[in-house]
Amino acid sequence: MRLRPLQRAAALALGAVALGVAAPAHAGVNPQLAGLQVALRAHGLYLGQIDGIMGPQTRAALKTFQRRKGLPPDGIVGKRTRVKLGPLGHPLFGSRTLVRGRFGWDVSVLQFLLTRRGLYDGALDGYLGPDTLKALRRYQRHQRLAADGVVGPRTLASLGIKGRVPLPAHEISVRRYVVRPGDNLTLVARRFGTTVRALTSANKLNPNRPLLIGQRLALPGATASVSSSSVREILTATARRYGVDERLVRALAWMESGYQTSIVSSAGALGVMQTLPVTRDYVERVLAGRPIPRTVEGDVEVGVLYLRSLLQHFGGNEKLALASWYQGEKAVRDQGVYKVSKPFVANVLALKTRV
C-alpha cells in the first residue's frame, strides 16, 4: 500500500532497525523493536521486558530464532525474518491505518507506546481489542486529536514523532486491579494472595477508609512472574490432560494475555487466560466440582476447562466456542456471532500454528 506523506514520515521516524538494518547493542529505545520482542516472546525465545531496546537478550533471542528457521543468524530484522515470525512479524508500525480488530507487529508497537505513556496496562499481544482501543482514545484526547480510535495519518505522525525519543520508564509488569462494587481491602488481598498491610503500604491507603469504586490498586506480592516458555509448557500440558487442542489453547491464551501471568483487566479478568471471577466460580462449582488453586497452573486449568465446556456445547465448532468465550454463550445462541467478535475469532485461529 502506498503511504501518505505523514504516514511515511512516522514510519521512518521509528528507526531503521525494523527495516533490515542492524542497530548497535547500545542503541536507545526504538518502538519498532517492541514489536520484535513481542513476536519473539510468542515463540518462547524472549523472556525479558518489552522495552524497545536491542540489548544482548533481544539480540540473542533473535539469532536463536533465525538459526531455528534456517536463516543467517545475523541479528538483522529483515523481511525474511519477519515473515518467519508469522502474524506478529508484520506489518511495520506506520505502514497501515490501525482500527479495532487489527492484529500484528504494528499493534504491538502501538500498545508499547501507550504503555510507556501510562495509558495502557493490558497485554502486549498485538491485538487491537477493547482495552487497547480505550487507551488509544485517551491518548488522542490528550493530544487534542479526534478520539475516533483510529490510528490514521495524524495520530500516526504524533506517535511516530514521539517514538524517536526515549520515554520515561513505565513498568509493564506491574499488576493492577480496578476496584469494583462490594470490594474491600480484605477481599482484594485474599483474592490476589497478598495482605491488607501490603496493599495499604503499596497504595498509601488508610485501612480504616472504604475503597472507592474505580480506584486502581497496585497488587504487591501477587503471583510470581513465570517466563513465557514456562507458561507455554503449562498451557500445553493442561490442554493435553483435558483433551483440548493444545494449539487452540495456546493461541487463545496469547490473544488474551500475551502469556503474561500478572494481567488484570478493568473488568477483573485474571491471569494467562483472562477468566473472570464468576467464570472461575462456575468452573469450580459445576465443571470441576472442587476448588482450583489460585496459581498460574490453576488459572490455566480454569480457562481450559471452560473452553472445553464451550467446545462440547457447540459440537467441537471452534469458531462458535471462541465467539462464546468472547461475547458469552447465550448471546451466540440467541443472536449469533457479533461483528465485533469475528476479528477476535479469526485472529485466534490464525495463531494456532504460530504459538
Protein backbone atom coordinates (compact mmCIF):
# COMPACT_ATOMS: atom_id res chain seq x y z
CA MET A 1 0.00 0.00 0.00
CA ARG A 2 1.31 3.47 -0.88
CA LEU A 3 1.88 5.64 2.20
CA ARG A 4 0.74 9.19 2.57
CA PRO A 5 3.47 11.72 3.48
CA LEU A 6 2.56 11.84 7.17
CA GLN A 7 2.47 8.04 7.40
CA ARG A 8 5.80 7.71 5.60
CA ALA A 9 7.45 10.23 7.92
CA ALA A 10 6.12 8.47 11.01
CA ALA A 11 7.30 5.07 9.84
CA LEU A 12 10.79 6.37 9.08
CA ALA A 13 10.97 8.20 12.37
CA LEU A 14 10.63 4.93 14.26
CA GLY A 15 14.08 3.78 13.18
CA ALA A 16 15.83 1.70 10.57
CA VAL A 17 16.30 -1.40 12.69
CA ALA A 18 13.00 -3.00 11.75
CA LEU A 19 13.63 -2.26 8.10
CA GLY A 20 16.61 -4.59 7.96
CA VAL A 21 19.46 -2.50 9.39
CA ALA A 22 21.16 -3.84 12.49
CA ALA A 23 21.42 -1.48 15.45
CA PRO A 24 24.34 -1.36 17.87
CA ALA A 25 23.70 -3.02 21.19
CA HIS A 26 23.87 0.33 22.97
CA ALA A 27 21.15 1.93 20.81
CA GLY A 28 18.31 3.70 22.59
CA VAL A 29 14.61 2.95 22.61
CA ASN A 30 13.21 2.09 19.17
CA PRO A 31 9.47 1.34 19.42
CA GLN A 32 9.61 -0.92 16.35
CA LEU A 33 11.79 -3.29 18.39
CA ALA A 34 8.95 -3.74 20.87
CA GLY A 35 7.09 -5.47 18.02
CA LEU A 36 10.06 -7.79 17.55
CA GLN A 37 10.22 -8.58 21.26
CA VAL A 38 6.51 -9.42 21.42
CA ALA A 39 6.86 -11.73 18.41
CA LEU A 40 9.93 -13.45 19.88
CA ARG A 41 8.11 -13.89 23.17
CA ALA A 42 5.27 -15.64 21.33
CA HIS A 43 7.85 -18.16 20.11
CA GLY A 44 9.08 -18.66 23.70
CA LEU A 45 12.52 -17.19 22.97
CA TYR A 46 12.47 -13.76 24.62
CA LEU A 47 11.80 -13.61 28.35
CA GLY A 48 12.84 -10.05 29.11
CA GLN A 49 10.93 -6.80 29.46
CA ILE A 50 9.29 -5.34 26.37
CA ASP A 51 11.44 -2.21 26.29
CA GLY A 52 12.13 -1.47 22.62
CA ILE A 53 15.89 -1.85 23.08
CA MET A 54 18.14 -4.14 21.04
CA GLY A 55 20.04 -5.37 24.08
CA PRO A 56 22.01 -8.62 24.43
CA GLN A 57 18.95 -10.66 25.43
CA THR A 58 16.87 -9.46 22.47
CA ARG A 59 19.74 -9.98 20.03
CA ALA A 60 20.45 -13.49 21.35
CA ALA A 61 16.75 -14.44 21.05
CA LEU A 62 16.65 -13.06 17.51
CA LYS A 63 19.70 -15.04 16.41
CA THR A 64 18.34 -18.20 18.01
CA PHE A 65 15.09 -17.75 16.11
CA GLN A 66 16.95 -17.19 12.84
CA ARG A 67 19.00 -20.35 13.32
CA ARG A 68 15.89 -22.39 14.06
CA LYS A 69 14.25 -21.12 10.88
CA GLY A 70 17.28 -21.78 8.70
CA LEU A 71 18.11 -18.10 8.25
CA PRO A 72 21.54 -16.47 8.58
CA PRO A 73 21.86 -15.59 12.29
CA ASP A 74 22.92 -12.02 11.55
CA GLY A 75 20.77 -10.28 14.15
CA ILE A 76 19.15 -8.16 11.43
CA VAL A 77 15.37 -7.82 11.44
CA GLY A 78 14.89 -8.18 7.71
CA LYS A 79 11.81 -9.09 5.71
CA ARG A 80 12.61 -12.83 5.63
CA THR A 81 12.92 -12.90 9.41
CA ARG A 82 9.65 -11.04 9.87
CA VAL A 83 7.83 -13.40 7.50
CA LYS A 84 9.07 -16.37 9.53
CA LEU A 85 7.81 -14.71 12.72
CA GLY A 86 4.29 -15.19 11.41
CA PRO A 87 1.28 -12.90 12.02
CA LEU A 88 3.14 -10.93 14.70
CA GLY A 89 6.08 -10.28 12.34
CA HIS A 90 4.30 -7.74 10.17
CA PRO A 91 3.31 -5.12 9.18
CA LEU A 92 5.70 -2.49 10.49
CA PHE A 93 4.26 0.33 12.54
CA GLY A 94 3.35 3.17 10.23
CA SER A 95 2.61 1.08 7.15
CA ARG A 96 -1.19 0.93 7.51
CA THR A 97 -4.10 2.55 9.31
CA LEU A 98 -4.96 0.79 12.55
CA VAL A 99 -8.56 0.16 13.56
CA ARG A 100 -10.25 -2.08 16.08
CA GLY A 101 -9.67 -5.76 15.36
CA ARG A 102 -6.27 -5.29 13.68
CA PHE A 103 -3.58 -7.79 14.63
CA GLY A 104 0.17 -7.74 14.11
CA TRP A 105 3.57 -6.18 14.76
CA ASP A 106 2.27 -2.62 14.43
CA VAL A 107 -0.41 -3.14 17.08
CA SER A 108 2.28 -4.47 19.46
CA VAL A 109 4.22 -1.24 18.86
CA LEU A 110 1.10 0.84 19.49
CA GLN A 111 0.46 -0.98 22.77
CA PHE A 112 4.09 -0.42 23.79
CA LEU A 113 3.86 3.32 23.08
CA LEU A 114 0.61 3.63 25.02
CA THR A 115 2.08 1.64 27.91
CA ARG A 116 5.12 3.88 28.06
CA ARG A 117 2.80 6.82 28.48
CA GLY A 118 0.97 5.14 31.35
CA LEU A 119 -2.26 4.91 29.35
CA TYR A 120 -2.41 1.14 28.84
CA ASP A 121 -1.68 -1.66 31.29
CA GLY A 122 -3.13 -4.62 29.40
CA ALA A 123 -1.47 -7.44 27.48
CA LEU A 124 1.14 -6.65 24.84
CA ASP A 125 -0.31 -9.17 22.42
CA GLY A 126 -0.57 -7.41 19.07
CA TYR A 127 -4.38 -7.31 19.11
CA LEU A 128 -6.29 -4.03 18.96
CA GLY A 129 -9.15 -5.01 21.20
CA PRO A 130 -11.39 -3.02 23.59
CA ASP A 131 -8.70 -2.22 26.18
CA THR A 132 -6.20 -1.01 23.58
CA LEU A 133 -8.93 0.99 21.88
CA LYS A 134 -9.85 2.72 25.15
CA ALA A 135 -6.22 3.65 25.80
CA LEU A 136 -5.81 4.90 22.23
CA ARG A 137 -8.80 7.19 22.51
CA ARG A 138 -7.46 8.52 25.81
CA TYR A 139 -4.16 9.31 24.10
CA GLN A 140 -5.95 11.05 21.24
CA ARG A 141 -7.90 13.26 23.63
CA HIS A 142 -4.67 14.17 25.43
CA GLN A 143 -3.13 15.16 22.11
CA ARG A 144 -6.22 17.15 21.04
CA LEU A 145 -6.84 14.74 18.18
CA ALA A 146 -10.15 13.27 17.09
CA ALA A 147 -10.78 10.49 19.62
CA ASP A 148 -12.00 8.07 16.96
CA GLY A 149 -9.88 5.07 17.96
CA VAL A 150 -8.26 5.03 14.54
CA VAL A 151 -4.50 5.37 14.04
CA GLY A 152 -4.65 7.36 10.86
CA PRO A 153 -2.09 9.83 9.48
CA ARG A 154 -2.36 12.42 12.27
CA THR A 155 -2.34 10.00 15.20
CA LEU A 156 0.39 8.00 13.47
CA ALA A 157 2.53 11.09 12.99
CA SER A 158 2.03 12.10 16.62
CA LEU A 159 3.09 8.68 17.88
CA GLY A 160 5.93 8.43 15.38
CA ILE A 161 7.48 11.77 16.25
CA LYS A 162 7.43 10.97 19.94
CA GLY A 163 8.67 7.45 19.26
CA ARG A 164 12.15 8.71 18.36
CA VAL A 165 12.74 10.00 21.89
CA PRO A 166 13.31 7.62 24.83
CA LEU A 167 10.27 7.99 27.04
CA PRO A 168 10.05 7.83 30.85
CA ALA A 169 10.18 4.25 32.05
CA HIS A 170 6.83 2.71 32.79
CA GLU A 171 6.95 -0.73 34.37
CA ILE A 172 4.95 -3.03 32.13
CA SER A 173 4.80 -5.96 34.51
CA VAL A 174 3.09 -4.15 37.41
CA ARG A 175 -0.09 -5.97 38.37
CA ARG A 176 -3.05 -3.67 38.96
CA TYR A 177 -6.70 -4.05 39.87
CA VAL A 178 -9.67 -1.71 39.43
CA VAL A 179 -11.93 -1.62 42.49
CA ARG A 180 -15.47 -2.84 41.85
CA PRO A 181 -18.69 -2.56 43.90
CA GLY A 182 -18.53 -4.70 47.03
CA ASP A 183 -14.73 -4.77 47.22
CA ASN A 184 -12.81 -4.08 50.38
CA LEU A 185 -9.15 -4.43 51.31
CA THR A 186 -9.60 -7.84 52.92
CA LEU A 187 -11.38 -9.33 49.89
CA VAL A 188 -8.88 -7.90 47.41
CA ALA A 189 -5.91 -9.10 49.47
CA ARG A 190 -7.37 -12.61 49.76
CA ARG A 191 -8.22 -12.76 46.04
CA PHE A 192 -4.69 -11.89 44.92
CA GLY A 193 -2.64 -13.69 47.54
CA THR A 194 -1.33 -10.63 49.36
CA THR A 195 -2.05 -8.88 52.70
CA VAL A 196 -4.04 -5.84 53.76
CA ARG A 197 -0.89 -4.31 55.19
CA ALA A 198 0.97 -4.76 51.91
CA LEU A 199 -1.93 -3.29 49.93
CA THR A 200 -2.22 -0.22 52.14
CA SER A 201 1.53 0.34 52.08
CA ALA A 202 1.88 -0.02 48.29
CA ASN A 203 -1.06 2.28 47.58
CA LYS A 204 -0.69 4.73 50.52
CA LEU A 205 -4.19 3.90 51.76
CA ASN A 206 -5.86 4.44 55.11
CA PRO A 207 -7.06 0.94 56.12
CA ASN A 208 -9.97 2.47 58.03
CA ARG A 209 -11.44 4.10 54.94
CA PRO A 210 -13.52 2.30 52.28
CA LEU A 211 -12.15 1.74 48.79
CA LEU A 212 -13.52 3.93 46.01
CA ILE A 213 -15.16 2.21 43.06
CA GLY A 214 -12.95 2.63 40.01
CA GLN A 215 -9.81 3.16 42.09
CA ARG A 216 -6.69 1.48 40.62
CA LEU A 217 -4.67 -0.58 43.08
CA ALA A 218 -1.13 -1.90 42.69
CA LEU A 219 -1.03 -5.54 43.83
CA PRO A 220 2.16 -6.28 45.79
CA GLY A 221 3.24 -9.81 46.49
CA ALA A 222 0.94 -11.24 43.84
CA THR A 223 1.67 -14.39 41.90
CA ALA A 224 5.34 -14.55 40.96
CA SER A 225 6.27 -13.94 37.35
CA VAL A 226 6.60 -17.01 35.15
CA SER A 227 8.53 -16.98 31.88
CA SER A 228 6.59 -17.19 28.63
CA SER A 229 8.27 -20.50 27.78
CA SER A 230 7.10 -21.96 31.11
CA VAL A 231 3.59 -20.64 30.52
CA ARG A 232 3.60 -22.30 27.10
CA GLU A 233 4.54 -25.61 28.71
CA ILE A 234 1.77 -25.25 31.31
CA LEU A 235 -0.79 -24.48 28.61
CA THR A 236 0.31 -27.45 26.51
CA ALA A 237 0.31 -29.90 29.44
CA THR A 238 -3.10 -28.76 30.70
CA ALA A 239 -4.65 -28.92 27.23
CA ARG A 240 -3.39 -32.45 26.74
CA ARG A 241 -4.66 -33.51 30.16
CA TYR A 242 -8.20 -32.39 29.32
CA GLY A 243 -8.21 -33.43 25.68
CA VAL A 244 -8.36 -29.94 24.16
CA ASP A 245 -6.34 -28.94 21.10
CA GLU A 246 -3.14 -27.53 22.61
CA ARG A 247 -2.65 -25.19 19.65
CA LEU A 248 -6.08 -23.65 20.24
CA VAL A 249 -5.38 -23.22 23.95
CA ARG A 250 -2.01 -21.56 23.34
CA ALA A 251 -3.46 -19.26 20.68
CA LEU A 252 -6.36 -18.20 22.90
CA ALA A 253 -4.04 -17.56 25.84
CA TRP A 254 -1.76 -15.45 23.66
CA MET A 255 -4.67 -13.34 22.43
CA GLU A 256 -5.93 -12.85 25.98
CA SER A 257 -2.70 -12.03 27.80
CA GLY A 258 0.37 -12.44 25.62
CA TYR A 259 1.38 -15.19 28.10
CA GLN A 260 1.64 -12.58 30.85
CA THR A 261 0.63 -14.02 34.21
CA SER A 262 0.07 -10.73 36.03
CA ILE A 263 -2.54 -9.11 33.79
CA VAL A 264 -5.76 -7.94 35.45
CA SER A 265 -8.33 -6.32 33.17
CA SER A 266 -10.56 -3.41 34.14
CA ALA A 267 -13.43 -5.93 34.35
CA GLY A 268 -11.46 -8.08 36.81
CA ALA A 269 -10.39 -10.84 34.38
CA LEU A 270 -7.27 -12.53 35.68
CA GLY A 271 -4.10 -14.21 34.53
CA VAL A 272 -2.97 -16.00 31.41
CA MET A 273 -6.45 -16.97 30.24
CA GLN A 274 -8.13 -13.77 31.49
CA THR A 275 -11.07 -15.53 33.14
CA LEU A 276 -13.50 -13.55 35.28
CA PRO A 277 -14.11 -14.44 38.95
CA VAL A 278 -17.65 -15.51 38.03
CA THR A 279 -16.21 -17.88 35.41
CA ARG A 280 -13.83 -19.39 37.95
CA ASP A 281 -16.73 -19.86 40.35
CA TYR A 282 -18.75 -21.65 37.64
CA VAL A 283 -15.82 -23.87 36.69
CA GLU A 284 -15.11 -24.82 40.31
CA ARG A 285 -18.74 -25.49 41.26
CA VAL A 286 -20.10 -27.02 38.05
CA LEU A 287 -17.29 -28.29 35.82
CA ALA A 288 -14.59 -29.35 38.29
CA GLY A 289 -16.62 -29.84 41.46
CA ARG A 290 -13.70 -28.72 43.59
CA PRO A 291 -11.63 -25.63 44.42
CA ILE A 292 -8.82 -24.91 41.96
CA PRO A 293 -5.56 -23.39 43.24
CA ARG A 294 -5.10 -19.67 42.58
CA THR A 295 -1.80 -20.18 40.81
CA VAL A 296 -0.67 -19.85 37.22
CA GLU A 297 -1.39 -23.55 36.74
CA GLY A 298 -4.78 -23.14 38.38
CA ASP A 299 -5.68 -20.13 36.25
CA VAL A 300 -4.81 -22.10 33.12
CA GLU A 301 -6.82 -25.09 34.32
CA VAL A 302 -9.89 -22.88 34.83
CA GLY A 303 -9.57 -21.49 31.31
CA VAL A 304 -9.02 -24.86 29.66
CA LEU A 305 -11.97 -26.46 31.47
CA TYR A 306 -14.22 -23.60 30.44
CA LEU A 307 -13.03 -23.73 26.82
CA ARG A 308 -13.59 -27.49 26.75
CA SER A 309 -17.14 -26.95 28.01
CA LEU A 310 -17.84 -24.42 25.24
CA LEU A 311 -16.43 -26.77 22.61
CA GLN A 312 -18.67 -29.56 23.88
CA HIS A 313 -21.73 -27.29 23.85
CA PHE A 314 -21.12 -26.37 20.21
CA GLY A 315 -20.22 -29.83 18.94
CA GLY A 316 -16.50 -29.03 18.61
CA ASN A 317 -17.09 -25.93 16.48
CA GLU A 318 -14.06 -23.78 17.35
CA LYS A 319 -15.46 -20.60 15.82
CA LEU A 320 -18.64 -20.72 17.89
CA ALA A 321 -16.75 -21.75 21.04
CA LEU A 322 -14.34 -18.83 20.68
CA ALA A 323 -17.17 -16.41 19.95
CA SER A 324 -18.90 -17.66 23.11
CA TRP A 325 -15.69 -17.14 25.06
CA TYR A 326 -15.60 -13.54 23.81
CA GLN A 327 -19.26 -12.48 23.93
CA GLY A 328 -20.99 -15.16 26.02
CA GLU A 329 -22.64 -18.46 25.14
CA LYS A 330 -26.20 -17.19 25.46
CA ALA A 331 -25.51 -14.26 23.15
CA VAL A 332 -24.13 -16.59 20.47
CA ARG A 333 -27.16 -18.88 20.70
CA ASP A 334 -29.67 -16.02 20.71
CA GLN A 335 -28.08 -13.55 18.30
CA GLY A 336 -25.24 -15.32 16.53
CA VAL A 337 -21.63 -14.14 16.37
CA TYR A 338 -21.33 -10.39 16.87
CA LYS A 339 -19.44 -8.39 14.27
CA VAL A 340 -17.00 -7.27 16.98
CA SER A 341 -16.27 -10.91 17.88
CA LYS A 342 -15.30 -12.00 14.37
CA PRO A 343 -11.79 -10.44 14.30
CA PHE A 344 -11.01 -11.99 17.68
CA VAL A 345 -12.09 -15.44 16.49
CA ALA A 346 -10.20 -15.12 13.22
CA ASN A 347 -7.01 -13.97 14.91
CA VAL A 348 -7.05 -16.80 17.47
CA LEU A 349 -7.48 -19.37 14.71
CA ALA A 350 -4.71 -17.73 12.65
CA LEU A 351 -2.37 -18.02 15.64
CA LYS A 352 -2.88 -21.76 16.08
CA THR A 353 0.19 -22.67 14.03
CA ARG A 354 2.33 -19.82 15.34
CA VAL A 355 2.45 -20.07 19.16
